[in-house]
Amino acid sequence: MSKMMITKIIEIVSTVLKINPCELSIESQQTDFEQWDSLTQLIIINKIEDEFNLRIDDLIIKKLNSIKAIHNYLKDNYMGHTT
């Protein structure tokens, strides 16, 4: 599920940023993209919450500023997947 989860995260982030998914990788982070500002961050997290049917605590949102950070959070907190 991990690779599928990364693919889904990249799909969501690329859609919000309006870029080709090929421009993103597990190492991509907020500072790599000018358009990934604080408002965009909230939109990304909202779409992640909708896709994975969970709620992310407001105190955590700021820390989820990379594909890897989002993936690690979901891996540790998303109950709908199997490892």
N, C-alpha and C. Protein backbone atom coordinates (compact mmCIF):
# COMPACT_ATOMS: atom_id res chain seq x y z
N MET A 1 0.82 -1.21 0.00
CA MET A 1 0.00 0.00 0.00
C MET A 1 0.85 1.26 0.00
N SER A 2 2.07 1.16 0.49
CA SER A 2 2.91 2.35 0.63
C SER A 2 3.18 3.03 -0.72
N LYS A 3 3.52 2.24 -1.75
CA LYS A 3 3.78 2.83 -3.06
C LYS A 3 2.50 3.44 -3.63
N MET A 4 1.39 2.75 -3.42
CA MET A 4 0.10 3.29 -3.87
C MET A 4 -0.23 4.58 -3.13
N MET A 5 0.10 4.62 -1.85
CA MET A 5 -0.16 5.80 -1.04
C MET A 5 0.68 6.98 -1.54
N ILE A 6 1.95 6.74 -1.82
CA ILE A 6 2.84 7.79 -2.35
C ILE A 6 2.29 8.30 -3.67
N THR A 7 1.88 7.39 -4.54
CA THR A 7 1.32 7.77 -5.83
C THR A 7 0.09 8.65 -5.65
N LYS A 8 -0.77 8.31 -4.72
CA LYS A 8 -1.98 9.09 -4.46
C LYS A 8 -1.64 10.46 -3.90
N ILE A 9 -0.68 10.52 -2.99
CA ILE A 9 -0.25 11.82 -2.44
C ILE A 9 0.30 12.70 -3.55
N ILE A 10 1.15 12.14 -4.39
CA ILE A 10 1.72 12.89 -5.51
C ILE A 10 0.62 13.37 -6.45
N GLU A 11 -0.36 12.52 -6.71
CA GLU A 11 -1.48 12.90 -7.57
C GLU A 11 -2.24 14.09 -6.97
N ILE A 12 -2.51 14.05 -5.69
CA ILE A 12 -3.23 15.14 -5.02
C ILE A 12 -2.40 16.43 -5.05
N VAL A 13 -1.14 16.35 -4.66
CA VAL A 13 -0.29 17.54 -4.61
C VAL A 13 -0.11 18.13 -6.01
N SER A 14 0.11 17.30 -7.01
CA SER A 14 0.30 17.81 -8.37
C SER A 14 -0.97 18.48 -8.89
N THR A 15 -2.12 17.93 -8.56
CA THR A 15 -3.39 18.54 -8.97
C THR A 15 -3.56 19.91 -8.33
N VAL A 16 -3.29 20.00 -7.05
CA VAL A 16 -3.44 21.29 -6.34
C VAL A 16 -2.42 22.30 -6.86
N LEU A 17 -1.19 21.85 -7.07
CA LEU A 17 -0.14 22.77 -7.56
C LEU A 17 -0.25 23.06 -9.05
N LYS A 18 -1.10 22.27 -9.74
CA LYS A 18 -1.28 22.40 -11.19
C LYS A 18 0.03 22.17 -11.93
N ILE A 19 0.68 21.05 -11.57
CA ILE A 19 1.91 20.65 -12.23
C ILE A 19 1.80 19.19 -12.63
N ASN A 20 2.72 18.76 -13.47
CA ASN A 20 2.78 17.36 -13.89
C ASN A 20 3.25 16.51 -12.71
N PRO A 21 2.60 15.38 -12.44
CA PRO A 21 3.04 14.52 -11.34
C PRO A 21 4.51 14.10 -11.46
N CYS A 22 5.03 14.06 -12.67
CA CYS A 22 6.44 13.69 -12.88
C CYS A 22 7.40 14.70 -12.25
N GLU A 23 6.90 15.89 -11.95
CA GLU A 23 7.74 16.91 -11.32
C GLU A 23 7.89 16.70 -9.82
N LEU A 24 7.15 15.73 -9.27
CA LEU A 24 7.19 15.45 -7.84
C LEU A 24 7.80 14.09 -7.56
N SER A 25 8.40 13.97 -6.39
CA SER A 25 8.92 12.69 -5.92
C SER A 25 8.72 12.64 -4.41
N ILE A 26 9.09 11.54 -3.82
CA ILE A 26 8.99 11.39 -2.37
C ILE A 26 9.81 12.48 -1.65
N GLU A 27 10.83 13.00 -2.31
CA GLU A 27 11.70 14.02 -1.72
C GLU A 27 11.19 15.45 -1.91
N SER A 28 10.15 15.65 -2.70
CA SER A 28 9.63 17.00 -2.95
C SER A 28 9.07 17.61 -1.67
N GLN A 29 9.33 18.92 -1.53
CA GLN A 29 8.85 19.61 -0.34
C GLN A 29 8.34 21.00 -0.69
N GLN A 30 7.68 21.60 0.25
CA GLN A 30 7.02 22.89 0.06
C GLN A 30 7.97 23.95 -0.49
N THR A 31 9.18 23.99 -0.01
CA THR A 31 10.13 25.03 -0.45
C THR A 31 10.60 24.85 -1.89
N ASP A 32 10.30 23.71 -2.50
CA ASP A 32 10.68 23.46 -3.89
C ASP A 32 9.74 24.14 -4.88
N PHE A 33 8.58 24.58 -4.41
CA PHE A 33 7.56 25.09 -5.32
C PHE A 33 7.00 26.40 -4.79
N GLU A 34 7.18 27.45 -5.56
CA GLU A 34 6.73 28.78 -5.16
C GLU A 34 5.22 28.81 -4.87
N GLN A 35 4.47 28.06 -5.66
CA GLN A 35 3.02 28.07 -5.50
C GLN A 35 2.53 27.26 -4.29
N TRP A 36 3.43 26.52 -3.63
CA TRP A 36 3.05 25.73 -2.44
C TRP A 36 3.20 26.63 -1.21
N ASP A 37 2.26 27.56 -1.07
CA ASP A 37 2.28 28.49 0.07
C ASP A 37 1.36 27.97 1.17
N SER A 38 1.12 28.78 2.18
CA SER A 38 0.34 28.31 3.33
C SER A 38 -1.12 28.00 2.97
N LEU A 39 -1.71 28.79 2.09
CA LEU A 39 -3.08 28.50 1.66
C LEU A 39 -3.12 27.20 0.86
N THR A 40 -2.17 27.03 -0.03
CA THR A 40 -2.08 25.80 -0.82
C THR A 40 -1.86 24.61 0.09
N GLN A 41 -1.08 24.79 1.14
CA GLN A 41 -0.85 23.73 2.12
C GLN A 41 -2.18 23.26 2.72
N LEU A 42 -3.03 24.20 3.08
CA LEU A 42 -4.33 23.85 3.65
C LEU A 42 -5.21 23.11 2.65
N ILE A 43 -5.14 23.51 1.40
CA ILE A 43 -5.92 22.83 0.35
C ILE A 43 -5.41 21.40 0.17
N ILE A 44 -4.09 21.24 0.13
CA ILE A 44 -3.51 19.90 0.00
C ILE A 44 -3.96 19.02 1.17
N ILE A 45 -3.84 19.53 2.37
CA ILE A 45 -4.21 18.74 3.55
C ILE A 45 -5.70 18.41 3.53
N ASN A 46 -6.53 19.36 3.12
CA ASN A 46 -7.97 19.10 3.03
C ASN A 46 -8.26 17.97 2.06
N LYS A 47 -7.58 17.96 0.93
CA LYS A 47 -7.78 16.90 -0.07
C LYS A 47 -7.24 15.56 0.44
N ILE A 48 -6.14 15.59 1.17
CA ILE A 48 -5.60 14.37 1.79
C ILE A 48 -6.62 13.82 2.80
N GLU A 49 -7.16 14.71 3.62
CA GLU A 49 -8.16 14.29 4.61
C GLU A 49 -9.37 13.66 3.92
N ASP A 50 -9.84 14.28 2.85
CA ASP A 50 -10.99 13.74 2.12
C ASP A 50 -10.67 12.39 1.50
N GLU A 51 -9.52 12.29 0.86
CA GLU A 51 -9.13 11.05 0.18
C GLU A 51 -8.98 9.89 1.15
N PHE A 52 -8.36 10.15 2.29
CA PHE A 52 -8.06 9.08 3.24
C PHE A 52 -9.06 9.02 4.40
N ASN A 53 -10.10 9.85 4.32
CA ASN A 53 -11.18 9.85 5.31
C ASN A 53 -10.65 9.94 6.74
N LEU A 54 -9.87 10.99 6.98
CA LEU A 54 -9.35 11.24 8.32
C LEU A 54 -9.26 12.73 8.56
N ARG A 55 -9.03 13.09 9.79
CA ARG A 55 -8.84 14.49 10.16
C ARG A 55 -7.46 14.65 10.76
N ILE A 56 -6.75 15.65 10.28
CA ILE A 56 -5.39 15.92 10.74
C ILE A 56 -5.44 17.11 11.70
N ASP A 57 -4.86 16.94 12.85
CA ASP A 57 -4.83 17.98 13.88
C ASP A 57 -4.16 19.24 13.33
N ASP A 58 -4.74 20.38 13.65
CA ASP A 58 -4.20 21.67 13.17
C ASP A 58 -2.74 21.87 13.53
N LEU A 59 -2.32 21.35 14.66
CA LEU A 59 -0.93 21.52 15.09
C LEU A 59 0.04 20.70 14.24
N ILE A 60 -0.46 19.70 13.55
CA ILE A 60 0.38 18.82 12.72
C ILE A 60 0.51 19.36 11.30
N ILE A 61 -0.51 20.07 10.82
CA ILE A 61 -0.58 20.48 9.42
C ILE A 61 0.69 21.18 8.95
N LYS A 62 1.22 22.09 9.73
CA LYS A 62 2.42 22.84 9.33
C LYS A 62 3.62 21.92 9.11
N LYS A 63 3.67 20.81 9.84
CA LYS A 63 4.78 19.87 9.72
C LYS A 63 4.69 19.00 8.48
N LEU A 64 3.52 18.94 7.86
CA LEU A 64 3.33 18.09 6.69
C LEU A 64 3.65 18.87 5.42
N ASN A 65 4.90 19.30 5.33
CA ASN A 65 5.33 20.21 4.26
C ASN A 65 6.18 19.53 3.19
N SER A 66 6.04 18.21 3.09
CA SER A 66 6.74 17.47 2.04
C SER A 66 5.95 16.20 1.74
N ILE A 67 6.22 15.62 0.58
CA ILE A 67 5.58 14.35 0.23
C ILE A 67 5.95 13.30 1.27
N LYS A 68 7.21 13.26 1.65
CA LYS A 68 7.67 12.27 2.63
C LYS A 68 6.98 12.46 3.99
N ALA A 69 6.86 13.70 4.44
CA ALA A 69 6.22 13.96 5.74
C ALA A 69 4.74 13.55 5.71
N ILE A 70 4.06 13.85 4.61
CA ILE A 70 2.66 13.45 4.47
C ILE A 70 2.56 11.93 4.47
N HIS A 71 3.43 11.29 3.70
CA HIS A 71 3.43 9.83 3.62
C HIS A 71 3.69 9.20 4.99
N ASN A 72 4.69 9.69 5.69
CA ASN A 72 5.01 9.13 7.01
C ASN A 72 3.85 9.31 7.98
N TYR A 73 3.21 10.47 7.93
CA TYR A 73 2.06 10.70 8.80
C TYR A 73 0.94 9.71 8.49
N LEU A 74 0.63 9.57 7.20
CA LEU A 74 -0.45 8.65 6.81
C LEU A 74 -0.10 7.21 7.16
N LYS A 75 1.14 6.84 6.92
CA LYS A 75 1.59 5.48 7.22
C LYS A 75 1.38 5.17 8.70
N ASP A 76 1.62 6.15 9.55
CA ASP A 76 1.50 5.95 10.99
C ASP A 76 0.08 6.14 11.52
N ASN A 77 -0.77 6.86 10.78
CA ASN A 77 -2.07 7.24 11.33
C ASN A 77 -3.29 6.80 10.53
N TYR A 78 -3.10 6.35 9.31
CA TYR A 78 -4.24 5.97 8.47
C TYR A 78 -4.63 4.53 8.75
N MET A 79 -5.81 4.33 9.26
CA MET A 79 -6.26 2.99 9.66
C MET A 79 -6.82 2.18 8.50
N GLY A 80 -7.06 2.80 7.37
CA GLY A 80 -7.70 2.10 6.26
C GLY A 80 -6.75 1.34 5.36
N HIS A 81 -5.49 1.25 5.73
CA HIS A 81 -4.53 0.54 4.87
C HIS A 81 -3.94 -0.65 5.60
N THR A 82 -3.33 -1.51 4.83
CA THR A 82 -2.62 -2.65 5.39
C THR A 82 -1.16 -2.56 5.00
N THR A 83 -0.30 -3.04 5.85
CA THR A 83 1.14 -2.97 5.57
C THR A 83 1.66 -4.31 5.14
